Amino acid sequence: MRDDTIHKDEDVKEAIRRLPENLYNDRMFCIKRALDLTMRQQILPKEQWIEYEEDKFYLEPYLKEVIQERKEREWAKK
């Protein structure tokens, strides 16, 4: 889940808010698991690793929508 590491700006925060509950819960699980492993100075077992090709940009469609809406609002103000 590459989108877990994206820099949080206002657009990203809004996209996260719009995530369906199951995607939001999956995101939080991965982040909490990463923090837990970091605190214990452990590495995720190799059998639980996700291959780069299998990873999905789950946040991208929501982020594109938020950015498009923001650009439309900015354009309407001009």
N, C-alpha and C. Protein backbone atom coordinates (compact mmCIF):
# COMPACT_ATOMS: atom_id res chain seq x y z
N MET A 1 0.84 -1.18 0.00
CA MET A 1 0.00 0.00 0.00
C MET A 1 0.88 1.24 0.00
N ARG A 2 1.31 1.58 -1.17
CA ARG A 2 2.20 2.74 -1.34
C ARG A 2 1.56 4.03 -0.87
N ASP A 3 0.25 4.10 -0.96
CA ASP A 3 -0.43 5.33 -0.58
C ASP A 3 -0.37 5.61 0.92
N ASP A 4 0.09 4.62 1.71
CA ASP A 4 0.22 4.84 3.15
C ASP A 4 1.33 5.82 3.48
N THR A 5 2.26 6.00 2.56
CA THR A 5 3.42 6.84 2.84
C THR A 5 3.33 8.22 2.19
N ILE A 6 2.22 8.53 1.57
CA ILE A 6 2.07 9.81 0.88
C ILE A 6 2.01 10.96 1.89
N HIS A 7 2.63 12.09 1.54
CA HIS A 7 2.64 13.27 2.41
C HIS A 7 1.22 13.79 2.60
N LYS A 8 0.84 14.03 3.85
CA LYS A 8 -0.52 14.47 4.14
C LYS A 8 -0.65 15.98 4.02
N ASP A 9 -1.28 16.43 2.94
CA ASP A 9 -1.67 17.83 2.83
C ASP A 9 -3.19 17.85 2.91
N GLU A 10 -3.78 18.99 2.66
CA GLU A 10 -5.25 19.11 2.80
C GLU A 10 -5.99 18.21 1.80
N ASP A 11 -5.45 18.10 0.59
CA ASP A 11 -6.08 17.24 -0.41
C ASP A 11 -6.05 15.77 0.02
N VAL A 12 -4.92 15.33 0.53
CA VAL A 12 -4.78 13.94 0.97
C VAL A 12 -5.70 13.67 2.16
N LYS A 13 -5.76 14.59 3.10
CA LYS A 13 -6.64 14.41 4.25
C LYS A 13 -8.10 14.26 3.81
N GLU A 14 -8.52 15.06 2.84
CA GLU A 14 -9.90 14.95 2.34
C GLU A 14 -10.10 13.63 1.61
N ALA A 15 -9.12 13.20 0.84
CA ALA A 15 -9.24 11.92 0.13
C ALA A 15 -9.34 10.76 1.12
N ILE A 16 -8.57 10.82 2.20
CA ILE A 16 -8.64 9.78 3.23
C ILE A 16 -10.01 9.80 3.89
N ARG A 17 -10.55 10.97 4.12
CA ARG A 17 -11.88 11.08 4.72
C ARG A 17 -12.94 10.45 3.84
N ARG A 18 -12.75 10.50 2.54
CA ARG A 18 -13.73 9.96 1.59
C ARG A 18 -13.59 8.46 1.34
N LEU A 19 -12.54 7.86 1.86
CA LEU A 19 -12.35 6.42 1.63
C LEU A 19 -13.53 5.62 2.18
N PRO A 20 -13.91 4.55 1.48
CA PRO A 20 -14.91 3.65 2.07
C PRO A 20 -14.35 3.03 3.35
N GLU A 21 -15.21 2.63 4.23
CA GLU A 21 -14.79 2.15 5.55
C GLU A 21 -13.80 1.00 5.47
N ASN A 22 -14.02 0.06 4.54
CA ASN A 22 -13.10 -1.09 4.46
C ASN A 22 -11.70 -0.67 4.04
N LEU A 23 -11.58 0.27 3.10
CA LEU A 23 -10.25 0.75 2.70
C LEU A 23 -9.59 1.56 3.81
N TYR A 24 -10.39 2.35 4.50
CA TYR A 24 -9.85 3.13 5.62
C TYR A 24 -9.33 2.20 6.72
N ASN A 25 -10.11 1.16 7.03
CA ASN A 25 -9.69 0.20 8.05
C ASN A 25 -8.43 -0.55 7.64
N ASP A 26 -8.33 -0.93 6.36
CA ASP A 26 -7.12 -1.60 5.86
C ASP A 26 -5.92 -0.67 5.99
N ARG A 27 -6.10 0.60 5.66
CA ARG A 27 -5.03 1.58 5.76
C ARG A 27 -4.55 1.71 7.21
N MET A 28 -5.50 1.84 8.12
CA MET A 28 -5.14 2.00 9.53
C MET A 28 -4.46 0.74 10.08
N PHE A 29 -4.91 -0.43 9.65
CA PHE A 29 -4.29 -1.67 10.10
C PHE A 29 -2.82 -1.71 9.67
N CYS A 30 -2.56 -1.37 8.42
CA CYS A 30 -1.18 -1.40 7.92
C CYS A 30 -0.29 -0.40 8.65
N ILE A 31 -0.82 0.78 8.88
CA ILE A 31 -0.04 1.81 9.57
C ILE A 31 0.24 1.39 11.01
N LYS A 32 -0.78 0.86 11.70
CA LYS A 32 -0.59 0.43 13.09
C LYS A 32 0.37 -0.75 13.17
N ARG A 33 0.27 -1.67 12.21
CA ARG A 33 1.18 -2.82 12.20
C ARG A 33 2.62 -2.34 11.99
N ALA A 34 2.80 -1.38 11.08
CA ALA A 34 4.14 -0.84 10.82
C ALA A 34 4.70 -0.15 12.07
N LEU A 35 3.86 0.63 12.74
CA LEU A 35 4.32 1.29 13.97
C LEU A 35 4.67 0.28 15.06
N ASP A 36 3.85 -0.75 15.19
CA ASP A 36 4.11 -1.79 16.19
C ASP A 36 5.43 -2.50 15.90
N LEU A 37 5.65 -2.86 14.66
CA LEU A 37 6.90 -3.53 14.30
C LEU A 37 8.10 -2.63 14.52
N THR A 38 7.94 -1.35 14.22
CA THR A 38 9.02 -0.39 14.43
C THR A 38 9.36 -0.27 15.91
N MET A 39 8.32 -0.19 16.74
CA MET A 39 8.55 -0.07 18.19
C MET A 39 9.28 -1.29 18.75
N ARG A 40 8.97 -2.46 18.20
CA ARG A 40 9.60 -3.69 18.67
C ARG A 40 10.89 -4.01 17.91
N GLN A 41 11.25 -3.11 16.99
CA GLN A 41 12.45 -3.26 16.16
C GLN A 41 12.46 -4.61 15.46
N GLN A 42 11.32 -4.92 14.82
CA GLN A 42 11.17 -6.16 14.07
C GLN A 42 10.83 -5.83 12.63
N ILE A 43 10.98 -6.83 11.78
CA ILE A 43 10.65 -6.70 10.37
C ILE A 43 9.46 -7.60 10.08
N LEU A 44 8.57 -7.13 9.23
CA LEU A 44 7.43 -7.92 8.81
C LEU A 44 7.92 -9.22 8.19
N PRO A 45 7.37 -10.36 8.59
CA PRO A 45 7.81 -11.63 7.99
C PRO A 45 7.67 -11.61 6.46
N LYS A 46 8.63 -12.18 5.79
CA LYS A 46 8.69 -12.11 4.33
C LYS A 46 7.42 -12.65 3.67
N GLU A 47 6.79 -13.66 4.25
CA GLU A 47 5.58 -14.22 3.65
C GLU A 47 4.40 -13.24 3.70
N GLN A 48 4.51 -12.15 4.48
CA GLN A 48 3.45 -11.14 4.56
C GLN A 48 3.76 -9.91 3.70
N TRP A 49 4.92 -9.90 3.07
CA TRP A 49 5.27 -8.79 2.20
C TRP A 49 4.36 -8.78 0.98
N ILE A 50 4.07 -7.59 0.46
CA ILE A 50 3.29 -7.44 -0.75
C ILE A 50 4.25 -7.14 -1.89
N GLU A 51 4.12 -7.88 -2.98
CA GLU A 51 4.95 -7.64 -4.15
C GLU A 51 4.60 -6.27 -4.74
N TYR A 52 5.58 -5.61 -5.29
CA TYR A 52 5.39 -4.27 -5.85
C TYR A 52 4.28 -4.28 -6.90
N GLU A 53 4.25 -5.31 -7.73
CA GLU A 53 3.26 -5.40 -8.80
C GLU A 53 1.85 -5.60 -8.25
N GLU A 54 1.74 -6.21 -7.06
CA GLU A 54 0.43 -6.49 -6.45
C GLU A 54 -0.11 -5.30 -5.67
N ASP A 55 0.75 -4.36 -5.36
CA ASP A 55 0.35 -3.20 -4.57
C ASP A 55 -0.59 -2.32 -5.38
N LYS A 56 -1.55 -1.72 -4.70
CA LYS A 56 -2.55 -0.90 -5.38
C LYS A 56 -2.50 0.53 -4.86
N PHE A 57 -2.81 1.46 -5.76
CA PHE A 57 -2.95 2.85 -5.38
C PHE A 57 -4.42 3.07 -4.99
N TYR A 58 -4.77 2.68 -3.78
CA TYR A 58 -6.17 2.74 -3.35
C TYR A 58 -6.64 4.18 -3.13
N LEU A 59 -5.74 5.09 -2.84
CA LEU A 59 -6.11 6.47 -2.54
C LEU A 59 -6.18 7.34 -3.80
N GLU A 60 -5.50 6.92 -4.84
CA GLU A 60 -5.35 7.74 -6.04
C GLU A 60 -6.67 8.21 -6.65
N PRO A 61 -7.68 7.35 -6.85
CA PRO A 61 -8.92 7.86 -7.45
C PRO A 61 -9.61 8.93 -6.59
N TYR A 62 -9.56 8.78 -5.29
CA TYR A 62 -10.17 9.75 -4.38
C TYR A 62 -9.36 11.04 -4.38
N LEU A 63 -8.04 10.91 -4.42
CA LEU A 63 -7.17 12.09 -4.44
C LEU A 63 -7.35 12.88 -5.73
N LYS A 64 -7.45 12.18 -6.86
CA LYS A 64 -7.67 12.87 -8.13
C LYS A 64 -8.98 13.64 -8.10
N GLU A 65 -10.01 13.03 -7.52
CA GLU A 65 -11.32 13.68 -7.43
C GLU A 65 -11.24 14.95 -6.58
N VAL A 66 -10.55 14.86 -5.44
CA VAL A 66 -10.41 16.00 -4.54
C VAL A 66 -9.64 17.13 -5.22
N ILE A 67 -8.56 16.79 -5.89
CA ILE A 67 -7.74 17.80 -6.57
C ILE A 67 -8.54 18.46 -7.69
N GLN A 68 -9.29 17.67 -8.44
CA GLN A 68 -10.11 18.23 -9.52
C GLN A 68 -11.15 19.19 -8.96
N GLU A 69 -11.79 18.81 -7.86
CA GLU A 69 -12.79 19.68 -7.24
C GLU A 69 -12.16 20.98 -6.74
N ARG A 70 -10.97 20.88 -6.16
CA ARG A 70 -10.28 22.08 -5.67
C ARG A 70 -9.92 23.00 -6.83
N LYS A 71 -9.43 22.44 -7.92
CA LYS A 71 -9.09 23.25 -9.09
C LYS A 71 -10.32 23.92 -9.67
N GLU A 72 -11.45 23.21 -9.69
CA GLU A 72 -12.69 23.80 -10.19
C GLU A 72 -13.14 24.97 -9.30
N ARG A 73 -13.01 24.80 -7.97
CA ARG A 73 -13.37 25.89 -7.06
C ARG A 73 -12.46 27.09 -7.27
N GLU A 74 -11.15 26.84 -7.42
CA GLU A 74 -10.20 27.93 -7.65
C GLU A 74 -10.51 28.63 -8.97
N TRP A 75 -10.85 27.88 -9.99
CA TRP A 75 -11.16 28.46 -11.29
C TRP A 75 -12.44 29.30 -11.21
N ALA A 76 -13.43 28.81 -10.45
CA ALA A 76 -14.71 29.52 -10.31
C ALA A 76 -14.51 30.85 -9.59
N LYS A 77 -13.53 30.95 -8.71
CA LYS A 77 -13.27 32.19 -7.97
C LYS A 77 -12.67 33.27 -8.86
N LYS A 78 -12.06 32.87 -9.96
CA LYS A 78 -11.38 33.85 -10.84
C LYS A 78 -12.35 34.62 -11.67
